[in-house]
Amino acid sequence: MSVELSEVGRLTRVLVKHARDAFVSQAVIDQQWQALNFTAPPDYARAVAEYDAFLDVIRTCGTDVACLPSDGRVTLDSIYTRDASVLSSTGAILASMGKQERATEPAVQGDQLKALGWAVAGRIDPPGRLEGGDVVWLDRRTVAVGSGYRTNAEGIRQFEALLGNSIEELLTVPLPHWRGPTDVMHLMSLVSPVDDDLAVVYSPLLTVTFREQLVRRGVTLVEVPDEEFETMGTNVLALAPRVCVMVKGNPRTRSALEKAGAMVYEYEGREISLKGGGGPTCLTRPLTRSG
């Protein structure tokens, strides 16, 4: 099954895991949230309601939504479906998680992808580490990969080998220490493409080299202010070119996007995003996009 390697084409099919299936119950949340470094325990009922509203937004552009089932082999973090796999031109590449508590997710997601008719093209093997939140397609033949606590040089080497001649360039982007290995710091924490020539960025934590590469590619940068970085202003999911969804509570970033010609949808993400450190890009594993 072929896939359009883009972060901004119209999202035609997406893989998600509903909060009711990832969080299971309030009792499960209460057992796991601290060990997984959530900032507070999500409220189960509110999380389910937030997720229903989030899916309503995702379906706005006619996106077909495939939902993963509950599975006792994974944790609350499995709600963030982006990280356990990466889609390539030949199928899914299963990740190798930098967060040890998520180690079982790639194999479980791989089984579920196969059940949906997707081929597994390969996997990243330890000591290699690679998480999907660190992988950003800049165009069909160019991919940027963040190198930090969740993705390492060996994981990137294996990923590039699996992609083979399907790409022309892989850009390795060093990520900052920020708050250390227990925090969530992916490349998509710092940059979210919204169109081929538009991206939301948090420049204070970007390398000069990568930021300059974006500018050279003709990308207009929507700069997230400091106070909206903490509320995931940088984490924006493109539903189609210049049509996107973001966590509610980032008015300056939303205004800047709208001034750049984007249509912006919002969702309430207190329970499903802010407490677990995963915005709309993290909540979704895009499967197919159209040009």
Protein backbone atom coordinates (compact mmCIF):
# COMPACT_ATOMS: atom_id res chain seq x y z
CA MET A 1 0.00 0.00 0.00
CA SER A 2 1.58 3.30 -1.09
CA VAL A 3 1.53 6.43 1.01
CA GLU A 4 1.93 10.12 0.28
CA LEU A 5 4.99 11.19 2.26
CA SER A 6 3.81 14.59 3.41
CA GLU A 7 2.92 16.35 6.63
CA VAL A 8 0.54 18.77 4.90
CA GLY A 9 -1.45 17.01 2.16
CA ARG A 10 -5.15 16.45 2.78
CA LEU A 11 -5.40 13.86 5.55
CA THR A 12 -7.46 11.02 4.06
CA ARG A 13 -6.87 8.26 6.62
CA VAL A 14 -5.46 8.38 10.13
CA LEU A 15 -4.72 5.90 12.91
CA VAL A 16 -5.74 6.91 16.43
CA LYS A 17 -6.38 5.38 19.82
CA HIS A 18 -9.41 6.77 21.60
CA ALA A 19 -8.94 7.91 25.19
CA ARG A 20 -11.45 5.28 26.35
CA ASP A 21 -9.19 2.54 24.93
CA ALA A 22 -5.83 4.05 25.89
CA PHE A 23 -6.79 5.22 29.39
CA VAL A 24 -9.19 2.28 30.02
CA SER A 25 -10.53 3.54 33.37
CA GLN A 26 -9.85 6.01 36.14
CA ALA A 27 -8.29 3.19 38.15
CA VAL A 28 -5.75 2.48 35.40
CA ILE A 29 -4.96 6.18 35.10
CA ASP A 30 -4.38 6.43 38.84
CA GLN A 31 -2.02 3.44 38.72
CA GLN A 32 0.12 4.66 35.82
CA TRP A 33 0.24 8.43 35.46
CA GLN A 34 3.13 9.17 37.82
CA ALA A 35 5.44 6.48 36.43
CA LEU A 36 4.76 7.80 32.92
CA ASN A 37 5.62 11.39 33.93
CA PHE A 38 2.17 12.86 33.27
CA THR A 39 1.92 16.22 35.01
CA ALA A 40 -1.35 15.19 36.71
CA PRO A 41 -3.82 12.31 36.46
CA PRO A 42 -6.27 12.80 33.59
CA ASP A 43 -9.94 12.70 34.45
CA TYR A 44 -11.24 9.68 32.53
CA ALA A 45 -14.74 10.95 31.75
CA ARG A 46 -13.48 14.37 30.64
CA ALA A 47 -10.74 12.75 28.55
CA VAL A 48 -13.29 10.63 26.68
CA ALA A 49 -15.42 13.72 25.99
CA GLU A 50 -12.37 15.71 24.84
CA TYR A 51 -11.37 12.91 22.50
CA ASP A 52 -14.84 12.66 20.98
CA ALA A 53 -14.68 16.39 20.22
CA PHE A 54 -11.14 16.03 18.83
CA LEU A 55 -12.28 13.31 16.41
CA ASP A 56 -15.17 15.53 15.29
CA VAL A 57 -12.56 18.10 14.21
CA ILE A 58 -10.39 15.47 12.48
CA ARG A 59 -13.40 14.29 10.46
CA THR A 60 -14.14 17.86 9.30
CA CYS A 61 -12.10 17.34 6.15
CA GLY A 62 -13.60 13.93 5.41
CA THR A 63 -10.79 11.97 7.03
CA ASP A 64 -11.37 8.25 7.55
CA VAL A 65 -10.45 7.40 11.15
CA ALA A 66 -9.11 3.96 12.09
CA CYS A 67 -9.17 3.29 15.84
CA LEU A 68 -6.79 0.97 17.65
CA PRO A 69 -8.35 -1.32 20.26
CA SER A 70 -7.54 -1.44 23.95
CA ASP A 71 -4.56 -3.67 24.71
CA GLY A 72 -3.20 -4.60 28.13
CA ARG A 73 0.38 -4.77 26.84
CA VAL A 74 0.62 -0.98 26.54
CA THR A 75 0.05 2.03 28.80
CA LEU A 76 -1.71 5.39 28.86
CA ASP A 77 0.98 6.67 26.49
CA SER A 78 -0.44 4.54 23.68
CA ILE A 79 -2.93 7.37 23.08
CA TYR A 80 -0.01 9.12 21.31
CA THR A 81 -0.05 6.93 18.21
CA ARG A 82 2.46 9.01 16.22
CA ASP A 83 5.48 7.69 18.06
CA ALA A 84 5.34 3.91 17.61
CA SER A 85 5.72 3.88 13.83
CA VAL A 86 6.71 5.90 10.78
CA LEU A 87 5.09 5.46 7.36
CA SER A 88 7.42 5.01 4.41
CA SER A 89 6.77 4.50 0.69
CA THR A 90 6.83 0.72 1.24
CA GLY A 91 4.86 0.50 4.47
CA ALA A 92 5.24 0.99 8.19
CA ILE A 93 8.60 1.17 9.91
CA LEU A 94 8.19 0.18 13.54
CA ALA A 95 9.95 2.44 16.01
CA SER A 96 12.24 1.62 18.93
CA MET A 97 11.11 3.74 21.82
CA GLY A 98 13.40 6.07 23.71
CA LYS A 99 10.96 6.02 26.63
CA GLN A 100 11.39 2.56 28.12
CA GLU A 101 7.85 2.41 29.49
CA ARG A 102 6.65 2.49 25.87
CA ALA A 103 8.88 -0.36 24.64
CA THR A 104 5.98 -2.68 23.76
CA GLU A 105 4.07 -0.17 21.65
CA PRO A 106 5.75 -0.67 18.25
CA ALA A 107 5.13 -4.43 18.12
CA VAL A 108 1.53 -4.01 19.29
CA GLN A 109 0.87 -1.23 16.79
CA GLY A 110 2.55 -3.30 14.07
CA ASP A 111 0.12 -6.17 14.65
CA GLN A 112 -2.78 -3.74 14.51
CA LEU A 113 -1.50 -2.10 11.32
CA LYS A 114 -1.22 -5.52 9.67
CA ALA A 115 -4.83 -6.22 10.64
CA LEU A 116 -5.77 -2.99 8.83
CA GLY A 117 -3.98 -4.16 5.69
CA TRP A 118 -0.69 -2.33 6.07
CA ALA A 119 2.64 -3.96 5.34
CA VAL A 120 5.45 -3.64 7.87
CA ALA A 121 8.51 -2.61 5.88
CA GLY A 122 10.96 -2.96 8.76
CA ARG A 123 11.76 -2.05 12.30
CA ILE A 124 14.37 -0.17 14.29
CA ASP A 125 16.34 -2.56 16.50
CA PRO A 126 18.09 -1.72 19.80
CA PRO A 127 20.46 -0.15 20.57
CA GLY A 128 18.91 2.06 17.91
CA ARG A 129 16.15 4.37 19.11
CA LEU A 130 13.67 6.25 16.96
CA GLU A 131 10.24 7.70 17.77
CA GLY A 132 7.77 8.95 15.20
CA GLY A 133 7.48 12.36 16.83
CA ASP A 134 11.07 13.03 15.75
CA VAL A 135 10.37 12.44 12.04
CA VAL A 136 9.15 15.32 9.85
CA TRP A 137 8.72 15.02 6.09
CA LEU A 138 9.72 18.30 4.48
CA ASP A 139 8.74 17.00 1.04
CA ARG A 140 8.34 13.62 -0.62
CA ARG A 141 12.09 13.08 -0.87
CA THR A 142 13.39 14.99 2.15
CA VAL A 143 12.95 13.99 5.77
CA ALA A 144 14.22 15.68 8.93
CA VAL A 145 14.88 13.59 12.04
CA GLY A 146 15.46 14.96 15.51
CA SER A 147 18.38 13.51 17.45
CA GLY A 148 17.88 13.64 21.21
CA TYR A 149 16.86 11.49 24.15
CA ARG A 150 14.12 9.65 22.20
CA THR A 151 15.97 9.11 18.91
CA ASN A 152 19.69 8.36 18.59
CA ALA A 153 22.32 8.15 15.84
CA GLU A 154 21.98 4.38 15.46
CA GLY A 155 18.22 4.63 15.12
CA ILE A 156 18.63 7.31 12.45
CA ARG A 157 21.20 5.15 10.63
CA GLN A 158 18.81 2.19 10.54
CA PHE A 159 15.92 4.42 9.48
CA GLU A 160 17.91 5.87 6.57
CA ALA A 161 18.94 2.37 5.48
CA LEU A 162 15.32 1.20 5.52
CA LEU A 163 14.24 4.20 3.43
CA GLY A 164 17.00 3.47 0.89
CA ASN A 165 16.72 5.28 -2.41
CA SER A 166 13.14 6.41 -1.70
CA ILE A 167 14.64 9.65 -0.33
CA GLU A 168 17.23 12.11 -1.55
CA GLU A 169 18.16 13.67 1.77
CA LEU A 170 17.85 12.96 5.48
CA LEU A 171 18.55 15.93 7.73
CA THR A 172 19.65 15.14 11.28
CA VAL A 173 18.51 17.89 13.65
CA PRO A 174 20.15 17.95 17.12
CA LEU A 175 17.62 18.56 19.89
CA PRO A 176 18.25 20.44 23.15
CA HIS A 177 18.59 18.90 26.60
CA TRP A 178 15.72 21.16 27.75
CA ARG A 179 14.34 19.41 30.84
CA GLY A 180 16.24 16.18 30.41
CA PRO A 181 15.46 12.59 29.40
CA THR A 182 12.20 12.32 31.36
CA ASP A 183 10.59 15.21 29.46
CA VAL A 184 8.91 14.97 26.06
CA MET A 185 11.13 16.68 23.50
CA HIS A 186 10.60 15.62 19.91
CA LEU A 187 11.43 17.52 16.73
CA MET A 188 7.67 18.00 16.34
CA SER A 189 7.72 19.79 19.69
CA LEU A 190 9.59 22.54 17.85
CA VAL A 191 8.24 22.56 14.28
CA SER A 192 4.90 21.68 12.69
CA PRO A 193 4.46 22.08 8.92
CA VAL A 194 1.06 23.53 7.95
CA ASP A 195 1.72 23.87 4.21
CA ASP A 196 4.70 23.34 1.92
CA ASP A 197 5.67 26.96 2.55
CA LEU A 198 4.33 27.49 6.09
CA ALA A 199 5.37 26.05 9.46
CA VAL A 200 4.84 26.80 13.12
CA VAL A 201 8.15 26.91 15.01
CA TYR A 202 9.63 27.65 18.40
CA SER A 203 12.90 29.24 17.29
CA PRO A 204 14.60 29.59 20.73
CA LEU A 205 15.14 25.81 20.83
CA LEU A 206 15.84 25.23 17.11
CA THR A 207 19.36 24.92 15.79
CA VAL A 208 20.42 27.84 13.61
CA THR A 209 21.32 25.41 10.82
CA PHE A 210 17.88 23.80 10.67
CA ARG A 211 16.03 27.10 10.96
CA GLU A 212 18.11 28.51 8.10
CA GLN A 213 17.36 25.40 6.03
CA LEU A 214 13.63 25.99 6.47
CA VAL A 215 14.02 29.61 5.41
CA ARG A 216 16.09 28.62 2.37
CA ARG A 217 13.33 26.24 1.37
CA GLY A 218 10.95 29.22 1.22
CA VAL A 219 9.04 28.32 4.38
CA THR A 220 7.34 31.19 6.21
CA LEU A 221 7.82 30.67 9.93
CA VAL A 222 5.02 31.34 12.39
CA GLU A 223 6.87 32.05 15.62
CA VAL A 224 5.32 30.69 18.82
CA PRO A 225 5.73 33.09 21.79
CA ASP A 226 7.39 31.79 24.94
CA GLU A 227 4.18 31.65 26.95
CA GLU A 228 2.47 29.46 24.34
CA PHE A 229 5.28 26.95 23.98
CA GLU A 230 4.28 25.40 27.30
CA THR A 231 0.66 25.06 26.13
CA MET A 232 1.69 23.30 22.91
CA GLY A 233 1.33 26.22 20.55
CA THR A 234 3.98 24.58 18.38
CA ASN A 235 2.12 21.28 18.11
CA VAL A 236 -0.19 21.81 15.12
CA LEU A 237 -1.63 19.10 12.87
CA ALA A 238 -2.30 19.89 9.22
CA LEU A 239 -5.61 18.42 8.01
CA ALA A 240 -5.00 19.85 4.53
CA PRO A 241 -2.75 22.59 3.15
CA ARG A 242 -3.30 25.63 5.40
CA VAL A 243 -6.06 23.85 7.33
CA CYS A 244 -4.98 22.76 10.79
CA VAL A 245 -5.96 21.87 14.34
CA MET A 246 -4.29 22.93 17.58
CA VAL A 247 -4.85 22.83 21.32
CA LYS A 248 -7.16 25.57 22.59
CA GLY A 249 -5.45 28.29 24.63
CA ASN A 250 -2.81 29.60 22.20
CA PRO A 251 -4.45 32.78 20.83
CA ARG A 252 -1.31 34.53 19.60
CA THR A 253 -0.19 31.51 17.58
CA ARG A 254 -3.69 31.01 16.21
CA SER A 255 -3.89 34.66 15.17
CA ALA A 256 -0.51 34.46 13.42
CA LEU A 257 -1.60 31.35 11.55
CA GLU A 258 -4.81 33.01 10.44
CA LYS A 259 -2.89 36.07 9.24
CA ALA A 260 -0.79 33.66 7.15
CA GLY A 261 -3.99 32.43 5.49
CA ALA A 262 -4.60 29.27 7.52
CA MET A 263 -7.95 27.98 8.73
CA VAL A 264 -7.51 26.93 12.36
CA TYR A 265 -9.63 24.51 14.37
CA GLU A 266 -9.17 24.07 18.10
CA TYR A 267 -9.96 21.37 20.64
CA GLU A 268 -9.95 21.28 24.42
CA GLY A 269 -6.84 19.31 25.33
CA ARG A 270 -6.45 19.61 29.09
CA GLU A 271 -6.90 15.89 29.76
CA ILE A 272 -5.70 14.24 26.55
CA SER A 273 -2.86 16.59 25.58
CA LEU A 274 -1.51 18.92 28.26
CA LYS A 275 -1.25 16.40 31.10
CA GLY A 276 0.53 13.79 28.98
CA GLY A 277 2.63 16.11 26.85
CA GLY A 278 1.12 15.20 23.48
CA GLY A 279 -0.71 17.55 21.13
CA PRO A 280 -2.66 16.78 17.94
CA THR A 281 0.35 15.56 15.96
CA CYS A 282 1.16 13.14 18.79
CA LEU A 283 -2.45 11.88 18.98
CA THR A 284 -2.44 10.86 15.30
CA ARG A 285 -0.51 8.52 13.03
CA PRO A 286 -1.39 9.76 9.53
CA LEU A 287 -1.72 6.78 7.16
CA THR A 288 -2.58 8.43 3.86
CA ARG A 289 -2.60 11.98 2.54
CA SER A 290 -3.46 13.29 -0.90
CA GLY A 291 -1.53 15.98 -2.71
